Amino acid sequence: MTKTINVGIIGAGGIAAGKHLPGHRNVEDVSVIAVCDIDESRAREFAEQHEIEHVFADYNDLLGMDEIDAVSVCTPNNFHAPPTIAALEAGKHVICEKPMASNAIDGQTMVDAYHASGKILQIGLQNRFTVESRTLRKLCDEGFFGDIYYARAMSVRRRGVPGTPSFISKAIAGGGPLIDIGVHILDALLWILGCPKPVEAFGFTAQKFGNQKDVINPWGSWDPAQFEVEDFAMGAVHFEGGLTVTLETAWATHIEDIGQTFFIGDRAGATHSPMRIYMDKDGEMIDYEPEPLTNLIGEFEAFHRAIREGLSSPVPPEETLIITKIFDAIYESARIGRSVPVE
């Protein structure tokens, strides 16, 4: 494919303006030519601000354009599946914002549509493309760390609650920080470790700030009566082969912002950000920064390269479906108070 790749954006919100639009436009010979939003006035304002020619209120009309080669799905979490499936069925490649879906049932329908279409479905998990993730994945693939038996993924904010309905309404968002920011850290960690197969999960969720009035929050206020999701979540997941992973994530806590992802093997261990390796050598404990990989590409460049060269999805949707299944299990465990299998 040598011609310009024409892109349509479905969902004219902040993630479209802040990530997807510049992501596509930073790739050579890619043009964003259409935008759609159920609020047509917002779509029109988006188009005028960013000089986009075509505006729609119905994504089916956008998908009806023969000129469109690919779409970005930037709708709220609970509404990722319908436009993604429709786009694949219309013969368009799709990059869908994270999380894949708010539940594994929707995620599976997306994977099925992907397989039936022959097109690319990529979920917007950009942490797979960082220098740290790529470097550590290569070392894991080489067996550098030995038997990796424990890992932790953490993203905890002292205060950073996104108070809009698209984040705090259960019917729109599907969940809170677990699927909002937890998806990034858990996906990157499991991808580094080679996408192990989960067996069982235990989870706990809490709502300690969202239901209060006048919470100190630099990101703005919200109506506590509309806050329907957790603001803290944790999980412990057991995998085939003996690996156990813990996950902690929060929008608000009485602790400083912390987010140290690490994993340990019987030969060496590593932290993700900053990237450091800890091991024994010549009778001493040593730690150092590994040589980072170079000549890496970002997620949107990878997406368009895959389109042009007929490659498979840079973020295989089957792998991201595993994350969704883990989250389903964590939420179910939190509801019933005991561990549950990851189906």
C-alpha atoms as a PDB file:
ATOM      1  CA  MET A   1       0.000   0.000   0.000  1.00  0.00           C
ATOM      2  CA  THR A   2       1.724   3.185  -1.173  1.00  0.00           C
ATOM      3  CA  LYS A   3      -1.075   5.746  -1.254  1.00  0.00           C
ATOM      4  CA  THR A   4      -1.988   8.050   1.605  1.00  0.00           C
ATOM      5  CA  ILE A   5      -3.813   6.213   4.383  1.00  0.00           C
ATOM      6  CA  ASN A   6      -7.048   8.062   5.133  1.00  0.00           C
ATOM      7  CA  VAL A   7      -8.292   7.917   8.707  1.00  0.00           C
ATOM      8  CA  GLY A   8     -11.611   8.639  10.370  1.00  0.00           C
ATOM      9  CA  ILE A   9     -11.959   9.324  14.091  1.00  0.00           C
ATOM     10  CA  ILE A  10     -15.003   8.050  15.990  1.00  0.00           C
ATOM     11  CA  GLY A  11     -15.477   9.995  19.211  1.00  0.00           C
ATOM     12  CA  ALA A  12     -14.402  13.644  19.357  1.00  0.00           C
ATOM     13  CA  GLY A  13     -13.292  13.855  22.975  1.00  0.00           C
ATOM     14  CA  GLY A  14     -10.035  14.583  24.752  1.00  0.00           C
ATOM     15  CA  ILE A  15      -8.318  11.301  23.904  1.00  0.00           C
ATOM     16  CA  ALA A  16      -8.999  11.892  20.211  1.00  0.00           C
ATOM     17  CA  ALA A  17      -7.546  15.398  20.305  1.00  0.00           C
ATOM     18  CA  GLY A  18      -4.673  14.665  22.668  1.00  0.00           C
ATOM     19  CA  LYS A  19      -3.485  11.279  21.409  1.00  0.00           C
ATOM     20  CA  HIS A  20      -5.068   9.851  18.272  1.00  0.00           C
ATOM     21  CA  LEU A  21      -5.164  12.910  16.034  1.00  0.00           C
ATOM     22  CA  PRO A  22      -1.508  13.872  16.602  1.00  0.00           C
ATOM     23  CA  GLY A  23      -0.550  10.204  16.591  1.00  0.00           C
ATOM     24  CA  HIS A  24      -1.883   9.719  13.070  1.00  0.00           C
ATOM     25  CA  ARG A  25      -0.656  13.074  11.801  1.00  0.00           C
ATOM     26  CA  ASN A  26       2.881  12.395  12.990  1.00  0.00           C
ATOM     27  CA  VAL A  27       3.111   9.476  10.553  1.00  0.00           C
ATOM     28  CA  GLU A  28       4.112  10.254   6.979  1.00  0.00           C
ATOM     29  CA  ASP A  29       1.443   9.841   4.267  1.00  0.00           C
ATOM     30  CA  VAL A  30      -1.437   9.570   6.733  1.00  0.00           C
ATOM     31  CA  SER A  31      -4.364  11.973   6.603  1.00  0.00           C
ATOM     32  CA  VAL A  32      -7.269  12.355   9.031  1.00  0.00           C
ATOM     33  CA  ILE A  33     -10.208  13.243   6.799  1.00  0.00           C
ATOM     34  CA  ALA A  34     -13.312  12.589   8.905  1.00  0.00           C
ATOM     35  CA  VAL A  35     -14.595  12.777  12.469  1.00  0.00           C
ATOM     36  CA  CYS A  36     -17.773  11.499  14.071  1.00  0.00           C
ATOM     37  CA  ASP A  37     -19.477  12.071  17.414  1.00  0.00           C
ATOM     38  CA  ILE A  38     -23.019  11.467  18.618  1.00  0.00           C
ATOM     39  CA  ASP A  39     -22.914  15.142  19.599  1.00  0.00           C
ATOM     40  CA  GLU A  40     -22.671  16.569  16.098  1.00  0.00           C
ATOM     41  CA  SER A  41     -21.881  20.057  17.366  1.00  0.00           C
ATOM     42  CA  ARG A  42     -18.856  18.686  19.201  1.00  0.00           C
ATOM     43  CA  ALA A  43     -17.764  16.804  16.081  1.00  0.00           C
ATOM     44  CA  ARG A  44     -18.145  19.970  14.022  1.00  0.00           C
ATOM     45  CA  GLU A  45     -16.172  22.030  16.521  1.00  0.00           C
ATOM     46  CA  PHE A  46     -13.451  19.351  16.536  1.00  0.00           C
ATOM     47  CA  ALA A  47     -13.339  19.356  12.737  1.00  0.00           C
ATOM     48  CA  GLU A  48     -13.127  23.145  12.510  1.00  0.00           C
ATOM     49  CA  GLN A  49     -10.414  23.343  15.139  1.00  0.00           C
ATOM     50  CA  HIS A  50      -8.294  20.644  13.501  1.00  0.00           C
ATOM     51  CA  GLU A  51      -9.116  21.279   9.835  1.00  0.00           C
ATOM     52  CA  ILE A  52     -10.905  18.003   9.152  1.00  0.00           C
ATOM     53  CA  GLU A  53     -13.130  17.947   6.082  1.00  0.00           C
ATOM     54  CA  HIS A  54     -15.947  15.485   6.838  1.00  0.00           C
ATOM     55  CA  VAL A  55     -18.218  15.519   9.911  1.00  0.00           C
ATOM     56  CA  PHE A  56     -20.743  12.882  10.987  1.00  0.00           C
ATOM     57  CA  ALA A  57     -23.054  12.134  13.902  1.00  0.00           C
ATOM     58  CA  ASP A  58     -23.447   8.446  12.947  1.00  0.00           C
ATOM     59  CA  TYR A  59     -20.316   6.323  12.629  1.00  0.00           C
ATOM     60  CA  ASN A  60     -22.024   4.127  10.043  1.00  0.00           C
ATOM     61  CA  ASP A  61     -22.051   7.127   7.702  1.00  0.00           C
ATOM     62  CA  LEU A  62     -18.348   7.668   8.282  1.00  0.00           C
ATOM     63  CA  LEU A  63     -17.678   3.979   7.643  1.00  0.00           C
ATOM     64  CA  GLY A  64     -19.613   4.249   4.409  1.00  0.00           C
ATOM     65  CA  MET A  65     -16.888   6.452   2.933  1.00  0.00           C
ATOM     66  CA  ASP A  66     -14.852   4.421   0.457  1.00  0.00           C
ATOM     67  CA  GLU A  67     -11.927   6.781   1.006  1.00  0.00           C
ATOM     68  CA  ILE A  68     -11.537   5.715   4.632  1.00  0.00           C
ATOM     69  CA  ASP A  69      -8.853   3.061   5.149  1.00  0.00           C
ATOM     70  CA  ALA A  70      -8.659   3.035   8.943  1.00  0.00           C
ATOM     71  CA  VAL A  71     -10.418   4.431  11.987  1.00  0.00           C
ATOM     72  CA  SER A  72      -9.603   5.399  15.530  1.00  0.00           C
ATOM     73  CA  VAL A  73     -12.273   4.388  18.036  1.00  0.00           C
ATOM     74  CA  CYS A  74     -12.194   6.953  20.834  1.00  0.00           C
ATOM     75  CA  THR A  75     -15.615   6.401  22.370  1.00  0.00           C
ATOM     76  CA  PRO A  76     -16.091   5.732  26.116  1.00  0.00           C
ATOM     77  CA  ASN A  77     -15.108   2.286  27.412  1.00  0.00           C
ATOM     78  CA  ASN A  78     -18.562   0.712  27.307  1.00  0.00           C
ATOM     79  CA  PHE A  79     -18.989   1.709  23.666  1.00  0.00           C
ATOM     80  CA  HIS A  80     -15.794   0.387  22.092  1.00  0.00           C
ATOM     81  CA  ALA A  81     -17.252  -2.815  20.692  1.00  0.00           C
ATOM     82  CA  PRO A  82     -20.057  -1.631  18.347  1.00  0.00           C
ATOM     83  CA  PRO A  83     -18.034   0.871  16.256  1.00  0.00           C
ATOM     84  CA  THR A  84     -14.990  -1.397  16.236  1.00  0.00           C
ATOM     85  CA  ILE A  85     -16.999  -4.347  14.949  1.00  0.00           C
ATOM     86  CA  ALA A  86     -18.830  -2.195  12.413  1.00  0.00           C
ATOM     87  CA  ALA A  87     -15.537  -0.774  11.152  1.00  0.00           C
ATOM     88  CA  LEU A  88     -13.960  -4.204  10.745  1.00  0.00           C
ATOM     89  CA  GLU A  89     -17.048  -5.455   8.944  1.00  0.00           C
ATOM     90  CA  ALA A  90     -16.832  -2.418   6.667  1.00  0.00           C
ATOM     91  CA  GLY A  91     -13.279  -3.396   5.721  1.00  0.00           C
ATOM     92  CA  LYS A  92     -11.480  -0.759   7.790  1.00  0.00           C
ATOM     93  CA  HIS A  93      -8.420  -1.226   9.965  1.00  0.00           C
ATOM     94  CA  VAL A  94      -8.982  -0.170  13.591  1.00  0.00           C
ATOM     95  CA  ILE A  95      -6.921   1.291  16.379  1.00  0.00           C
ATOM     96  CA  CYS A  96      -9.196   1.324  19.428  1.00  0.00           C
ATOM     97  CA  GLU A  97      -8.377   3.246  22.565  1.00  0.00           C
ATOM     98  CA  LYS A  98      -7.765   1.269  25.752  1.00  0.00           C
ATOM     99  CA  PRO A  99      -9.223  -0.614  27.503  1.00  0.00           C
ATOM    100  CA  MET A 100     -10.254  -3.082  24.831  1.00  0.00           C
ATOM    101  CA  ALA A 101     -13.734  -3.204  26.368  1.00  0.00           C
ATOM    102  CA  SER A 102     -15.277  -2.995  29.805  1.00  0.00           C
ATOM    103  CA  ASN A 103     -15.901  -6.755  29.875  1.00  0.00           C
ATOM    104  CA  ALA A 104     -14.631  -9.903  28.198  1.00  0.00           C
ATOM    105  CA  ILE A 105     -17.897 -10.658  26.408  1.00  0.00           C
ATOM    106  CA  ASP A 106     -17.601  -7.451  24.383  1.00  0.00           C
ATOM    107  CA  GLY A 107     -13.892  -8.058  23.983  1.00  0.00           C
ATOM    108  CA  GLN A 108     -14.488 -11.518  22.537  1.00  0.00           C
ATOM    109  CA  THR A 109     -16.946 -10.148  19.972  1.00  0.00           C
ATOM    110  CA  MET A 110     -14.256  -7.693  18.892  1.00  0.00           C
ATOM    111  CA  VAL A 111     -11.680 -10.478  18.532  1.00  0.00           C
ATOM    112  CA  ASP A 112     -14.149 -12.583  16.535  1.00  0.00           C
ATOM    113  CA  ALA A 113     -14.850  -9.657  14.189  1.00  0.00           C
ATOM    114  CA  TYR A 114     -11.112  -9.096  13.811  1.00  0.00           C
ATOM    115  CA  HIS A 115     -10.515 -12.693  12.764  1.00  0.00           C
ATOM    116  CA  ALA A 116     -13.405 -12.614  10.318  1.00  0.00           C
ATOM    117  CA  SER A 117     -12.333  -9.333   8.726  1.00  0.00           C
ATOM    118  CA  GLY A 118      -8.716  -9.913   7.794  1.00  0.00           C
ATOM    119  CA  LYS A 119      -8.034  -6.352   8.923  1.00  0.00           C
ATOM    120  CA  ILE A 120      -5.897  -5.028  11.772  1.00  0.00           C
ATOM    121  CA  LEU A 121      -7.332  -4.442  15.220  1.00  0.00           C
ATOM    122  CA  GLN A 122      -4.877  -2.736  17.553  1.00  0.00           C
ATOM    123  CA  ILE A 123      -5.704  -1.628  21.096  1.00  0.00           C
ATOM    124  CA  GLY A 124      -4.148   1.655  22.230  1.00  0.00           C
ATOM    125  CA  LEU A 125      -1.688   0.338  24.793  1.00  0.00           C
ATOM    126  CA  GLN A 126       1.282   2.565  24.145  1.00  0.00           C
ATOM    127  CA  ASN A 127       3.370   1.320  27.071  1.00  0.00           C
ATOM    128  CA  ARG A 128       4.337  -1.714  24.993  1.00  0.00           C
ATOM    129  CA  PHE A 129       6.276   0.625  22.717  1.00  0.00           C
ATOM    130  CA  THR A 130       8.502   2.317  25.304  1.00  0.00           C
ATOM    131  CA  VAL A 131      12.249   1.796  25.424  1.00  0.00           C
ATOM    132  CA  GLU A 132      11.898   0.235  28.874  1.00  0.00           C
ATOM    133  CA  SER A 133       9.261  -2.292  27.851  1.00  0.00           C
ATOM    134  CA  ARG A 134      11.002  -3.294  24.643  1.00  0.00           C
ATOM    135  CA  THR A 135      14.394  -3.653  26.306  1.00  0.00           C
ATOM    136  CA  LEU A 136      13.096  -5.725  29.222  1.00  0.00           C
ATOM    137  CA  ARG A 137      11.001  -7.907  26.900  1.00  0.00           C
ATOM    138  CA  LYS A 138      14.104  -8.742  24.862  1.00  0.00           C
ATOM    139  CA  LEU A 139      16.024  -9.695  28.005  1.00  0.00           C
ATOM    140  CA  CYS A 140      13.118 -11.853  29.203  1.00  0.00           C
ATOM    141  CA  ASP A 141      12.939 -13.595  25.842  1.00  0.00           C
ATOM    142  CA  GLU A 142      16.667 -14.370  26.165  1.00  0.00           C
ATOM    143  CA  GLY A 143      16.145 -15.959  29.600  1.00  0.00           C
ATOM    144  CA  PHE A 144      18.264 -13.332  31.329  1.00  0.00           C
ATOM    145  CA  PHE A 145      16.157 -13.279  34.512  1.00  0.00           C
ATOM    146  CA  GLY A 146      15.777 -17.031  34.879  1.00  0.00           C
ATOM    147  CA  ASP A 147      12.537 -18.297  36.407  1.00  0.00           C
ATOM    148  CA  ILE A 148      10.366 -15.215  36.983  1.00  0.00           C
ATOM    149  CA  TYR A 149       8.130 -16.035  39.913  1.00  0.00           C
ATOM    150  CA  TYR A 150       6.759 -12.726  41.219  1.00  0.00           C
ATOM    151  CA  ALA A 151       5.900  -9.287  39.825  1.00  0.00           C
ATOM    152  CA  ARG A 152       4.054  -6.158  40.838  1.00  0.00           C
ATOM    153  CA  ALA A 153       2.337  -3.481  38.774  1.00  0.00           C
ATOM    154  CA  MET A 154       1.399  -0.268  40.551  1.00  0.00           C
ATOM    155  CA  SER A 155      -0.117   3.082  39.561  1.00  0.00           C
ATOM    156  CA  VAL A 156      -1.439   4.963  42.583  1.00  0.00           C
ATOM    157  CA  ARG A 157      -2.285   8.656  42.622  1.00  0.00           C
ATOM    158  CA  ARG A 158      -2.499  10.736  45.743  1.00  0.00           C
ATOM    159  CA  ARG A 159      -5.161  12.728  43.949  1.00  0.00           C
ATOM    160  CA  GLY A 160      -6.081  12.547  40.285  1.00  0.00           C
ATOM    161  CA  VAL A 161      -9.759  11.717  39.872  1.00  0.00           C
ATOM    162  CA  PRO A 162     -11.180  12.286  36.370  1.00  0.00           C
ATOM    163  CA  GLY A 163     -14.609  13.472  37.432  1.00  0.00           C
ATOM    164  CA  THR A 164     -16.492  13.525  34.136  1.00  0.00           C
ATOM    165  CA  PRO A 165     -19.361  11.027  33.548  1.00  0.00           C
ATOM    166  CA  SER A 166     -17.305   9.222  30.913  1.00  0.00           C
ATOM    167  CA  PHE A 167     -15.033   8.067  33.760  1.00  0.00           C
ATOM    168  CA  ILE A 168     -17.270   7.823  36.835  1.00  0.00           C
ATOM    169  CA  SER A 169     -20.542   6.496  35.404  1.00  0.00           C
ATOM    170  CA  LYS A 170     -20.717   2.696  35.491  1.00  0.00           C
ATOM    171  CA  ALA A 171     -22.936   2.673  32.413  1.00  0.00           C
ATOM    172  CA  ILE A 172     -20.397   4.677  30.410  1.00  0.00           C
ATOM    173  CA  ALA A 173     -16.984   3.809  31.841  1.00  0.00           C
ATOM    174  CA  GLY A 174     -17.610   0.262  33.048  1.00  0.00           C
ATOM    175  CA  GLY A 175     -15.120   0.658  35.880  1.00  0.00           C
ATOM    176  CA  GLY A 176     -12.711   2.984  37.634  1.00  0.00           C
ATOM    177  CA  PRO A 177      -8.920   3.108  37.892  1.00  0.00           C
ATOM    178  CA  LEU A 178      -8.584  -0.651  37.418  1.00  0.00           C
ATOM    179  CA  ILE A 179      -9.538  -0.440  33.751  1.00  0.00           C
ATOM    180  CA  ASP A 180      -8.509   3.187  33.284  1.00  0.00           C
ATOM    181  CA  ILE A 181      -4.871   3.233  34.397  1.00  0.00           C
ATOM    182  CA  GLY A 182      -4.441  -0.340  35.635  1.00  0.00           C
ATOM    183  CA  VAL A 183      -4.802  -1.594  32.077  1.00  0.00           C
ATOM    184  CA  HIS A 184      -1.632   0.201  30.986  1.00  0.00           C
ATOM    185  CA  ILE A 185       0.627  -1.081  33.722  1.00  0.00           C
ATOM    186  CA  LEU A 186      -0.668  -4.650  33.796  1.00  0.00           C
ATOM    187  CA  ASP A 187      -0.598  -5.013  30.020  1.00  0.00           C
ATOM    188  CA  ALA A 188       2.964  -3.712  29.761  1.00  0.00           C
ATOM    189  CA  LEU A 189       4.132  -5.994  32.559  1.00  0.00           C
ATOM    190  CA  LEU A 190       2.515  -9.137  31.171  1.00  0.00           C
ATOM    191  CA  TRP A 191       3.727  -8.336  27.655  1.00  0.00           C
ATOM    192  CA  ILE A 192       7.296  -8.008  28.975  1.00  0.00           C
ATOM    193  CA  LEU A 193       6.910 -11.396  30.641  1.00  0.00           C
ATOM    194  CA  GLY A 194       5.739 -13.047  27.428  1.00  0.00           C
ATOM    195  CA  CYS A 195       1.978 -12.970  28.022  1.00  0.00           C
ATOM    196  CA  PRO A 196       1.647 -15.797  30.566  1.00  0.00           C
ATOM    197  CA  LYS A 197      -1.709 -17.553  30.921  1.00  0.00           C
ATOM    198  CA  PRO A 198      -3.735 -16.534  34.005  1.00  0.00           C
ATOM    199  CA  VAL A 199      -5.390 -19.169  36.156  1.00  0.00           C
ATOM    200  CA  GLU A 200      -7.008 -17.498  39.151  1.00  0.00           C
ATOM    201  CA  ALA A 201      -7.486 -13.997  40.572  1.00  0.00           C
ATOM    202  CA  PHE A 202      -8.362 -12.374  43.870  1.00  0.00           C
ATOM    203  CA  GLY A 203      -9.550  -8.786  43.944  1.00  0.00           C
ATOM    204  CA  PHE A 204     -10.569  -5.951  46.209  1.00  0.00           C
ATOM    205  CA  THR A 205     -12.108  -2.608  45.258  1.00  0.00           C
ATOM    206  CA  ALA A 206     -13.113   0.425  47.297  1.00  0.00           C
ATOM    207  CA  GLN A 207     -14.833   3.760  46.907  1.00  0.00           C
ATOM    208  CA  LYS A 208     -13.450   6.052  49.611  1.00  0.00           C
ATOM    209  CA  PHE A 209     -13.214   9.430  47.881  1.00  0.00           C
ATOM    210  CA  GLY A 210     -15.711   9.339  45.012  1.00  0.00           C
ATOM    211  CA  ASN A 211     -18.713   9.333  47.344  1.00  0.00           C
ATOM    212  CA  GLN A 212     -17.503  12.344  49.350  1.00  0.00           C
ATOM    213  CA  LYS A 213     -18.206  16.026  48.787  1.00  0.00           C
ATOM    214  CA  ASP A 214     -15.516  18.678  48.455  1.00  0.00           C
ATOM    215  CA  VAL A 215     -12.605  16.283  47.908  1.00  0.00           C
ATOM    216  CA  ILE A 216      -9.367  18.109  47.207  1.00  0.00           C
ATOM    217  CA  ASN A 217      -8.721  17.216  43.589  1.00  0.00           C
ATOM    218  CA  PRO A 218      -6.629  19.338  41.185  1.00  0.00           C
ATOM    219  CA  TRP A 219      -8.443  17.702  38.275  1.00  0.00           C
ATOM    220  CA  GLY A 220     -11.779  19.240  39.270  1.00  0.00           C
ATOM    221  CA  SER A 221     -14.914  18.304  41.142  1.00  0.00           C
ATOM    222  CA  TRP A 222     -17.768  15.861  40.514  1.00  0.00           C
ATOM    223  CA  ASP A 223     -21.213  15.009  41.797  1.00  0.00           C
ATOM    224  CA  PRO A 224     -20.767  12.241  44.418  1.00  0.00           C
ATOM    225  CA  ALA A 225     -24.254  10.947  43.591  1.00  0.00           C
ATOM    226  CA  GLN A 226     -23.028  10.162  40.060  1.00  0.00           C
ATOM    227  CA  PHE A 227     -19.801   8.461  41.157  1.00  0.00           C
ATOM    228  CA  GLU A 228     -20.554   4.770  40.534  1.00  0.00           C
ATOM    229  CA  VAL A 229     -17.135   3.132  40.111  1.00  0.00           C
ATOM    230  CA  GLU A 230     -14.255   2.267  42.415  1.00  0.00           C
ATOM    231  CA  ASP A 231     -11.497   4.767  43.171  1.00  0.00           C
ATOM    232  CA  PHE A 232      -9.108   2.054  44.428  1.00  0.00           C
ATOM    233  CA  ALA A 233      -8.535  -1.496  43.234  1.00  0.00           C
ATOM    234  CA  MET A 234      -6.053  -4.271  43.771  1.00  0.00           C
ATOM    235  CA  GLY A 235      -5.685  -7.780  42.496  1.00  0.00           C
ATOM    236  CA  ALA A 236      -3.504 -10.833  42.933  1.00  0.00           C
ATOM    237  CA  VAL A 237      -3.296 -13.087  39.897  1.00  0.00           C
ATOM    238  CA  HIS A 238      -1.809 -16.581  39.694  1.00  0.00           C
ATOM    239  CA  PHE A 239      -0.493 -17.800  36.334  1.00  0.00           C
ATOM    240  CA  GLU A 240       0.482 -21.108  34.830  1.00  0.00           C
ATOM    241  CA  GLY A 241       4.072 -21.980  35.673  1.00  0.00           C
ATOM    242  CA  GLY A 242       3.935 -20.530  39.179  1.00  0.00           C
ATOM    243  CA  LEU A 243       4.081 -16.780  38.504  1.00  0.00           C
ATOM    244  CA  THR A 244       2.083 -14.523  40.822  1.00  0.00           C
ATOM    245  CA  VAL A 245       1.406 -10.869  40.009  1.00  0.00           C
ATOM    246  CA  THR A 246      -0.093  -8.201  42.252  1.00  0.00           C
ATOM    247  CA  LEU A 247      -1.715  -5.061  40.884  1.00  0.00           C
ATOM    248  CA  GLU A 248      -2.521  -1.864  42.794  1.00  0.00           C
ATOM    249  CA  THR A 249      -4.174   1.146  41.245  1.00  0.00           C
ATOM    250  CA  ALA A 250      -6.008   4.223  42.502  1.00  0.00           C
ATOM    251  CA  TRP A 251      -7.231   7.645  41.468  1.00  0.00           C
ATOM    252  CA  ALA A 252      -7.107   8.945  45.046  1.00  0.00           C
ATOM    253  CA  THR A 253      -5.320   7.850  48.216  1.00  0.00           C
ATOM    254  CA  HIS A 254      -3.615   9.308  51.271  1.00  0.00           C
ATOM    255  CA  ILE A 255      -0.185   8.372  49.954  1.00  0.00           C
ATOM    256  CA  GLU A 256       2.200  10.015  47.528  1.00  0.00           C
ATOM    257  CA  ASP A 257       1.967   9.177  43.831  1.00  0.00           C
ATOM    258  CA  ILE A 258       3.680   5.826  43.415  1.00  0.00           C
ATOM    259  CA  GLY A 259       3.981   3.516  40.462  1.00  0.00           C
ATOM    260  CA  GLN A 260       6.906   1.143  40.645  1.00  0.00           C
ATOM    261  CA  THR A 261       6.448  -1.899  38.436  1.00  0.00           C
ATOM    262  CA  PHE A 262       8.996  -4.643  39.012  1.00  0.00           C
ATOM    263  CA  PHE A 263       9.521  -8.361  38.522  1.00  0.00           C
ATOM    264  CA  ILE A 264      11.940 -10.858  40.037  1.00  0.00           C
ATOM    265  CA  GLY A 265      13.459 -14.070  38.772  1.00  0.00           C
ATOM    266  CA  ASP A 266      15.893 -16.515  40.324  1.00  0.00           C
ATOM    267  CA  ARG A 267      18.797 -15.043  38.318  1.00  0.00           C
ATOM    268  CA  ALA A 268      17.930 -11.328  38.265  1.00  0.00           C
ATOM    269  CA  GLY A 269      15.150  -8.813  38.809  1.00  0.00           C
ATOM    270  CA  ALA A 270      14.218  -5.485  37.265  1.00  0.00           C
ATOM    271  CA  THR A 271      12.238  -2.316  37.761  1.00  0.00           C
ATOM    272  CA  HIS A 272      10.442  -0.767  34.799  1.00  0.00           C
ATOM    273  CA  SER A 273      10.577   3.000  35.344  1.00  0.00           C
ATOM    274  CA  PRO A 274      13.334   3.778  36.033  1.00  0.00           C
ATOM    275  CA  MET A 275      14.694   0.731  34.243  1.00  0.00           C
ATOM    276  CA  ARG A 276      17.256  -0.977  36.440  1.00  0.00           C
ATOM    277  CA  ILE A 277      18.482  -4.552  36.831  1.00  0.00           C
ATOM    278  CA  TYR A 278      19.463  -6.185  40.125  1.00  0.00           C
ATOM    279  CA  MET A 279      21.562  -9.346  40.272  1.00  0.00           C
ATOM    280  CA  ASP A 280      24.599 -11.065  41.770  1.00  0.00           C
ATOM    281  CA  LYS A 281      27.915 -11.184  39.906  1.00  0.00           C
ATOM    282  CA  ASP A 282      31.417 -12.247  40.933  1.00  0.00           C
ATOM    283  CA  GLY A 283      30.456 -12.549  44.572  1.00  0.00           C
ATOM    284  CA  GLU A 284      28.748  -9.144  44.759  1.00  0.00           C
ATOM    285  CA  MET A 285      25.252  -7.723  44.487  1.00  0.00           C
ATOM    286  CA  ILE A 286      25.163  -5.306  41.573  1.00  0.00           C
ATOM    287  CA  ASP A 287      22.595  -3.062  39.966  1.00  0.00           C
ATOM    288  CA  TYR A 288      22.804  -1.250  36.660  1.00  0.00           C
ATOM    289  CA  GLU A 289      20.869   0.258  33.780  1.00  0.00           C
ATOM    290  CA  PRO A 290      20.721  -2.163  30.830  1.00  0.00           C
ATOM    291  CA  GLU A 291      21.697  -0.961  27.381  1.00  0.00           C
ATOM    292  CA  PRO A 292      18.424   0.344  25.876  1.00  0.00           C
ATOM    293  CA  LEU A 293      17.221  -0.792  22.502  1.00  0.00           C
ATOM    294  CA  THR A 294      17.322   1.802  19.734  1.00  0.00           C
ATOM    295  CA  ASN A 295      15.474   2.478  16.475  1.00  0.00           C
ATOM    296  CA  LEU A 296      12.093   1.784  18.057  1.00  0.00           C
ATOM    297  CA  ILE A 297       8.804   2.983  16.608  1.00  0.00           C
ATOM    298  CA  GLY A 298       5.676   4.251  18.341  1.00  0.00           C
ATOM    299  CA  GLU A 299       2.220   2.724  18.352  1.00  0.00           C
ATOM    300  CA  PHE A 300       0.749   4.790  15.503  1.00  0.00           C
ATOM    301  CA  GLU A 301       3.773   4.299  13.289  1.00  0.00           C
ATOM    302  CA  ALA A 302       3.549   0.576  14.029  1.00  0.00           C
ATOM    303  CA  PHE A 303      -0.166   0.586  13.188  1.00  0.00           C
ATOM    304  CA  HIS A 304       0.332   2.240   9.805  1.00  0.00           C
ATOM    305  CA  ARG A 305       3.384   0.165   8.982  1.00  0.00           C
ATOM    306  CA  ALA A 306       1.317  -2.961   9.608  1.00  0.00           C
ATOM    307  CA  ILE A 307      -1.350  -1.656   7.216  1.00  0.00           C
ATOM    308  CA  ARG A 308       1.154  -0.826   4.489  1.00  0.00           C
ATOM    309  CA  GLU A 309       3.207  -4.009   4.776  1.00  0.00           C
ATOM    310  CA  GLY A 310       0.375  -6.452   5.467  1.00  0.00           C
ATOM    311  CA  LEU A 311       1.712  -7.319   8.909  1.00  0.00           C
ATOM    312  CA  SER A 312      -0.221  -8.698  11.859  1.00  0.00           C
ATOM    313  CA  SER A 313      -1.528  -6.404  14.574  1.00  0.00           C
ATOM    314  CA  PRO A 314       1.294  -4.773  16.582  1.00  0.00           C
ATOM    315  CA  VAL A 315      -0.873  -5.321  19.676  1.00  0.00           C
ATOM    316  CA  PRO A 316      -2.633  -8.649  19.100  1.00  0.00           C
ATOM    317  CA  PRO A 317      -6.210  -8.335  20.386  1.00  0.00           C
ATOM    318  CA  GLU A 318      -6.105 -11.874  21.769  1.00  0.00           C
ATOM    319  CA  GLU A 319      -3.456 -10.671  24.229  1.00  0.00           C
ATOM    320  CA  THR A 320      -5.464  -7.666  25.337  1.00  0.00           C
ATOM    321  CA  LEU A 321      -8.527  -9.869  25.761  1.00  0.00           C
ATOM    322  CA  ILE A 322      -6.564 -11.711  28.468  1.00  0.00           C
ATOM    323  CA  ILE A 323      -6.235  -8.440  30.397  1.00  0.00           C
ATOM    324  CA  THR A 324      -9.992  -7.903  30.121  1.00  0.00           C
ATOM    325  CA  LYS A 325     -10.652 -11.412  31.434  1.00  0.00           C
ATOM    326  CA  ILE A 326      -8.340 -10.752  34.385  1.00  0.00           C
ATOM    327  CA  PHE A 327     -10.230  -7.551  35.194  1.00  0.00           C
ATOM    328  CA  ASP A 328     -13.555  -9.385  35.004  1.00  0.00           C
ATOM    329  CA  ALA A 329     -12.198 -11.892  37.517  1.00  0.00           C
ATOM    330  CA  ILE A 330     -10.875  -9.178  39.856  1.00  0.00           C
ATOM    331  CA  TYR A 331     -14.238  -7.380  39.860  1.00  0.00           C
ATOM    332  CA  GLU A 332     -16.106 -10.640  40.443  1.00  0.00           C
ATOM    333  CA  SER A 333     -13.750 -11.634  43.245  1.00  0.00           C
ATOM    334  CA  ALA A 334     -14.198  -8.228  44.879  1.00  0.00           C
ATOM    335  CA  ARG A 335     -17.959  -8.719  44.670  1.00  0.00           C
ATOM    336  CA  ILE A 336     -18.079 -12.193  46.230  1.00  0.00           C
ATOM    337  CA  GLY A 337     -15.044 -11.976  48.518  1.00  0.00           C
ATOM    338  CA  ARG A 338     -13.023 -14.950  47.287  1.00  0.00           C
ATOM    339  CA  SER A 339     -10.715 -15.938  44.461  1.00  0.00           C
ATOM    340  CA  VAL A 340     -12.251 -16.878  41.129  1.00  0.00           C
ATOM    341  CA  PRO A 341     -10.865 -18.630  38.041  1.00  0.00           C
ATOM    342  CA  VAL A 342      -9.906 -16.547  35.040  1.00  0.00           C
ATOM    343  CA  GLU A 343     -12.038 -18.067  32.308  1.00  0.00           C
END
